Amino acid sequence: MNQELLMQWGPIVLMAAIFYFLIIRPQAKRRKEEKEFAETLKVGDKVIMSSGIHGKVTQVNADKGTVQIETGAGKITFERSAISTELTKNLTATPKEN
């Protein structure tokens, strides 16, 4: 009886474990990193928005969860969650020579 139960439920438990470690856990980790990133934004950081707009943070409004970004077209207000990456930390690569 025990062996039959293991043969019946074993694959389902194994699939659930694989699903957790390959999909759920990495997404939770990425969400945590994005939240920490959004909370540590400060005036002067150069960022890229999820829409592809590049700009510099000119104002952080913690109460509303928004930031004001200065772009070539002027100042625009965005939600903190719309910021994709921070250029200040990601510009460590050296340019390629032709």
N, C-alpha and C. Protein backbone atom coordinates (compact mmCIF):
# COMPACT_ATOMS: atom_id res chain seq x y z
N MET A 1 0.82 -1.20 0.00
CA MET A 1 0.00 0.00 0.00
C MET A 1 0.86 1.26 0.00
N ASN A 2 1.92 1.32 0.82
CA ASN A 2 2.79 2.49 0.88
C ASN A 2 3.50 2.73 -0.44
N GLN A 3 3.94 1.66 -1.06
CA GLN A 3 4.66 1.80 -2.33
C GLN A 3 3.73 2.28 -3.44
N GLU A 4 2.50 1.84 -3.42
CA GLU A 4 1.53 2.29 -4.41
C GLU A 4 1.25 3.78 -4.23
N LEU A 5 1.14 4.20 -2.99
CA LEU A 5 0.89 5.62 -2.71
C LEU A 5 2.06 6.48 -3.18
N LEU A 6 3.28 6.01 -2.94
CA LEU A 6 4.48 6.73 -3.38
C LEU A 6 4.54 6.79 -4.90
N MET A 7 4.22 5.71 -5.56
CA MET A 7 4.25 5.68 -7.03
C MET A 7 3.18 6.60 -7.62
N GLN A 8 2.09 6.75 -6.90
CA GLN A 8 1.00 7.58 -7.40
C GLN A 8 1.27 9.07 -7.17
N TRP A 9 1.74 9.46 -5.99
CA TRP A 9 1.92 10.85 -5.63
C TRP A 9 3.35 11.35 -5.82
N GLY A 10 4.32 10.46 -5.94
CA GLY A 10 5.71 10.85 -6.10
C GLY A 10 5.96 11.79 -7.27
N PRO A 11 5.50 11.45 -8.48
CA PRO A 11 5.72 12.35 -9.63
C PRO A 11 5.07 13.72 -9.46
N ILE A 12 3.91 13.76 -8.82
CA ILE A 12 3.22 15.04 -8.63
C ILE A 12 4.02 15.91 -7.67
N VAL A 13 4.51 15.32 -6.59
CA VAL A 13 5.32 16.08 -5.63
C VAL A 13 6.61 16.55 -6.28
N LEU A 14 7.24 15.69 -7.08
CA LEU A 14 8.47 16.06 -7.78
C LEU A 14 8.23 17.21 -8.75
N MET A 15 7.13 17.17 -9.49
CA MET A 15 6.81 18.26 -10.43
C MET A 15 6.55 19.57 -9.68
N ALA A 16 5.88 19.49 -8.53
CA ALA A 16 5.62 20.69 -7.74
C ALA A 16 6.93 21.30 -7.23
N ALA A 17 7.87 20.46 -6.81
CA ALA A 17 9.17 20.96 -6.33
C ALA A 17 9.95 21.61 -7.46
N ILE A 18 9.95 20.99 -8.63
CA ILE A 18 10.64 21.57 -9.79
C ILE A 18 9.99 22.90 -10.18
N PHE A 19 8.68 22.94 -10.18
CA PHE A 19 7.95 24.17 -10.51
C PHE A 19 8.33 25.29 -9.55
N TYR A 20 8.41 24.96 -8.26
CA TYR A 20 8.75 25.96 -7.26
C TYR A 20 10.16 26.50 -7.48
N PHE A 21 11.13 25.62 -7.66
CA PHE A 21 12.52 26.07 -7.76
C PHE A 21 12.86 26.72 -9.10
N LEU A 22 12.12 26.41 -10.15
CA LEU A 22 12.42 26.99 -11.46
C LEU A 22 11.59 28.22 -11.79
N ILE A 23 10.42 28.37 -11.17
CA ILE A 23 9.55 29.48 -11.55
C ILE A 23 9.22 30.39 -10.38
N ILE A 24 8.68 29.88 -9.32
CA ILE A 24 8.17 30.73 -8.23
C ILE A 24 9.30 31.40 -7.45
N ARG A 25 10.31 30.64 -7.06
CA ARG A 25 11.39 31.20 -6.24
C ARG A 25 12.17 32.31 -6.98
N PRO A 26 12.57 32.11 -8.25
CA PRO A 26 13.28 33.20 -8.95
C PRO A 26 12.43 34.47 -9.11
N GLN A 27 11.13 34.31 -9.35
CA GLN A 27 10.27 35.48 -9.48
C GLN A 27 10.17 36.25 -8.18
N ALA A 28 10.06 35.54 -7.07
CA ALA A 28 9.99 36.20 -5.77
C ALA A 28 11.29 36.94 -5.47
N LYS A 29 12.41 36.34 -5.82
CA LYS A 29 13.70 36.98 -5.61
C LYS A 29 13.82 38.25 -6.45
N ARG A 30 13.39 38.18 -7.71
CA ARG A 30 13.46 39.33 -8.60
C ARG A 30 12.54 40.46 -8.10
N ARG A 31 11.34 40.10 -7.62
CA ARG A 31 10.42 41.11 -7.07
C ARG A 31 11.04 41.81 -5.86
N LYS A 32 11.70 41.04 -5.00
CA LYS A 32 12.33 41.60 -3.81
C LYS A 32 13.44 42.57 -4.21
N GLU A 33 14.27 42.19 -5.20
CA GLU A 33 15.35 43.06 -5.66
C GLU A 33 14.81 44.34 -6.28
N GLU A 34 13.72 44.24 -7.07
CA GLU A 34 13.13 45.41 -7.69
C GLU A 34 12.55 46.36 -6.63
N LYS A 35 11.95 45.81 -5.60
CA LYS A 35 11.40 46.64 -4.52
C LYS A 35 12.51 47.37 -3.79
N GLU A 36 13.60 46.67 -3.47
CA GLU A 36 14.73 47.31 -2.81
C GLU A 36 15.34 48.39 -3.68
N PHE A 37 15.44 48.11 -4.98
CA PHE A 37 15.98 49.09 -5.92
C PHE A 37 15.12 50.36 -5.95
N ALA A 38 13.81 50.19 -6.02
CA ALA A 38 12.90 51.34 -6.08
C ALA A 38 12.96 52.15 -4.79
N GLU A 39 13.17 51.49 -3.66
CA GLU A 39 13.22 52.20 -2.38
C GLU A 39 14.52 52.97 -2.19
N THR A 40 15.59 52.57 -2.88
CA THR A 40 16.88 53.23 -2.69
C THR A 40 17.17 54.30 -3.73
N LEU A 41 16.21 54.61 -4.58
CA LEU A 41 16.42 55.67 -5.57
C LEU A 41 16.63 57.00 -4.88
N LYS A 42 17.52 57.80 -5.44
CA LYS A 42 17.77 59.12 -4.87
C LYS A 42 17.94 60.13 -6.01
N VAL A 43 17.84 61.38 -5.68
CA VAL A 43 17.98 62.46 -6.65
C VAL A 43 19.38 62.39 -7.25
N GLY A 44 19.44 62.50 -8.57
CA GLY A 44 20.71 62.47 -9.28
C GLY A 44 21.01 61.14 -9.95
N ASP A 45 20.27 60.07 -9.60
CA ASP A 45 20.49 58.77 -10.24
C ASP A 45 20.04 58.82 -11.69
N LYS A 46 20.85 58.27 -12.57
CA LYS A 46 20.47 58.16 -13.97
C LYS A 46 19.81 56.80 -14.15
N VAL A 47 18.61 56.81 -14.78
CA VAL A 47 17.81 55.60 -14.88
C VAL A 47 17.27 55.41 -16.28
N ILE A 48 16.82 54.18 -16.54
CA ILE A 48 16.09 53.86 -17.76
C ILE A 48 14.71 53.37 -17.34
N MET A 49 13.68 53.94 -17.92
CA MET A 49 12.31 53.54 -17.62
C MET A 49 11.98 52.26 -18.38
N SER A 50 10.94 51.56 -17.97
CA SER A 50 10.54 50.33 -18.66
C SER A 50 10.09 50.62 -20.09
N SER A 51 9.74 51.87 -20.37
CA SER A 51 9.35 52.26 -21.73
C SER A 51 10.54 52.61 -22.60
N GLY A 52 11.76 52.63 -22.01
CA GLY A 52 12.96 52.93 -22.77
C GLY A 52 13.43 54.36 -22.64
N ILE A 53 12.73 55.19 -21.89
CA ILE A 53 13.11 56.58 -21.71
C ILE A 53 14.29 56.67 -20.74
N HIS A 54 15.31 57.41 -21.14
CA HIS A 54 16.48 57.64 -20.29
C HIS A 54 16.31 58.99 -19.61
N GLY A 55 16.75 59.09 -18.36
CA GLY A 55 16.65 60.36 -17.67
C GLY A 55 17.36 60.34 -16.34
N LYS A 56 17.27 61.47 -15.65
CA LYS A 56 17.90 61.63 -14.35
C LYS A 56 16.82 61.97 -13.33
N VAL A 57 16.87 61.33 -12.17
CA VAL A 57 15.89 61.55 -11.11
C VAL A 57 16.10 62.95 -10.53
N THR A 58 15.05 63.76 -10.56
CA THR A 58 15.14 65.11 -10.02
C THR A 58 14.34 65.27 -8.73
N GLN A 59 13.38 64.37 -8.51
CA GLN A 59 12.57 64.46 -7.31
C GLN A 59 12.01 63.08 -6.97
N VAL A 60 12.06 62.71 -5.70
CA VAL A 60 11.49 61.45 -5.23
C VAL A 60 10.36 61.77 -4.28
N ASN A 61 9.17 61.30 -4.59
CA ASN A 61 7.99 61.55 -3.77
C ASN A 61 7.61 60.24 -3.07
N ALA A 62 8.14 60.01 -1.88
CA ALA A 62 7.92 58.74 -1.17
C ALA A 62 6.46 58.54 -0.79
N ASP A 63 5.74 59.62 -0.50
CA ASP A 63 4.33 59.51 -0.09
C ASP A 63 3.46 58.92 -1.20
N LYS A 64 3.66 59.39 -2.40
CA LYS A 64 2.85 58.95 -3.53
C LYS A 64 3.47 57.78 -4.29
N GLY A 65 4.72 57.48 -4.04
CA GLY A 65 5.38 56.40 -4.76
C GLY A 65 5.76 56.80 -6.17
N THR A 66 6.04 58.08 -6.38
CA THR A 66 6.39 58.56 -7.71
C THR A 66 7.77 59.19 -7.70
N VAL A 67 8.34 59.30 -8.89
CA VAL A 67 9.60 60.01 -9.08
C VAL A 67 9.45 60.94 -10.27
N GLN A 68 10.17 62.04 -10.23
CA GLN A 68 10.18 62.96 -11.36
C GLN A 68 11.50 62.77 -12.09
N ILE A 69 11.42 62.54 -13.40
CA ILE A 69 12.58 62.27 -14.23
C ILE A 69 12.77 63.41 -15.20
N GLU A 70 14.02 63.89 -15.31
CA GLU A 70 14.35 64.93 -16.28
C GLU A 70 14.88 64.25 -17.53
N THR A 71 14.22 64.48 -18.64
CA THR A 71 14.63 63.91 -19.92
C THR A 71 14.96 65.05 -20.87
N GLY A 72 15.31 64.70 -22.10
CA GLY A 72 15.58 65.72 -23.10
C GLY A 72 14.35 66.53 -23.44
N ALA A 73 13.17 65.96 -23.22
CA ALA A 73 11.91 66.64 -23.54
C ALA A 73 11.36 67.45 -22.37
N GLY A 74 11.96 67.30 -21.20
CA GLY A 74 11.47 68.01 -20.02
C GLY A 74 11.35 67.07 -18.83
N LYS A 75 10.61 67.51 -17.83
CA LYS A 75 10.43 66.70 -16.62
C LYS A 75 9.12 65.93 -16.69
N ILE A 76 9.19 64.64 -16.36
CA ILE A 76 8.02 63.77 -16.42
C ILE A 76 7.92 63.02 -15.09
N THR A 77 6.70 62.84 -14.59
CA THR A 77 6.48 62.10 -13.35
C THR A 77 6.09 60.66 -13.69
N PHE A 78 6.76 59.71 -13.03
CA PHE A 78 6.51 58.28 -13.23
C PHE A 78 6.28 57.60 -11.89
N GLU A 79 5.65 56.44 -11.92
CA GLU A 79 5.58 55.57 -10.76
C GLU A 79 6.96 54.96 -10.56
N ARG A 80 7.34 54.70 -9.32
CA ARG A 80 8.65 54.09 -9.06
C ARG A 80 8.78 52.74 -9.74
N SER A 81 7.68 52.01 -9.83
CA SER A 81 7.72 50.68 -10.42
C SER A 81 8.01 50.72 -11.92
N ALA A 82 7.91 51.87 -12.56
CA ALA A 82 8.16 51.98 -13.99
C ALA A 82 9.65 52.09 -14.32
N ILE A 83 10.49 52.22 -13.30
CA ILE A 83 11.92 52.32 -13.54
C ILE A 83 12.49 50.93 -13.73
N SER A 84 13.17 50.74 -14.83
CA SER A 84 13.69 49.43 -15.18
C SER A 84 15.09 49.20 -14.61
N THR A 85 16.03 50.07 -14.93
CA THR A 85 17.40 49.90 -14.46
C THR A 85 18.00 51.24 -14.10
N GLU A 86 19.08 51.18 -13.33
CA GLU A 86 19.80 52.38 -12.94
C GLU A 86 21.11 52.41 -13.70
N LEU A 87 21.32 53.46 -14.47
CA LEU A 87 22.53 53.57 -15.28
C LEU A 87 23.76 53.87 -14.45
N THR A 88 23.59 54.52 -13.31
CA THR A 88 24.72 54.90 -12.48
C THR A 88 25.55 53.69 -12.08
N LYS A 89 24.90 52.57 -11.78
CA LYS A 89 25.60 51.36 -11.35
C LYS A 89 25.95 50.43 -12.50
N ASN A 90 25.24 50.54 -13.64
CA ASN A 90 25.43 49.60 -14.74
C ASN A 90 26.44 50.06 -15.78
N LEU A 91 27.09 51.17 -15.60
CA LEU A 91 28.04 51.68 -16.58
C LEU A 91 29.49 51.26 -16.25
N THR A 92 29.67 50.03 -15.86
CA THR A 92 31.00 49.56 -15.50
C THR A 92 31.72 48.90 -16.67
N ALA A 93 31.02 48.59 -17.73
CA ALA A 93 31.63 47.93 -18.89
C ALA A 93 32.47 48.93 -19.69
N THR A 94 33.58 48.47 -20.22
CA THR A 94 34.41 49.33 -21.04
C THR A 94 33.94 49.27 -22.48
N PRO A 95 34.02 50.37 -23.21
CA PRO A 95 33.56 50.37 -24.60
C PRO A 95 34.46 49.51 -25.49
N LYS A 96 33.83 48.90 -26.50
CA LYS A 96 34.61 48.07 -27.44
C LYS A 96 35.39 48.96 -28.40
N GLU A 97 36.58 48.51 -28.76
CA GLU A 97 37.39 49.21 -29.74
C GLU A 97 37.19 48.54 -31.10
N ASN A 98 37.12 49.35 -32.15
CA ASN A 98 36.89 48.80 -33.49
C ASN A 98 38.17 48.37 -34.13
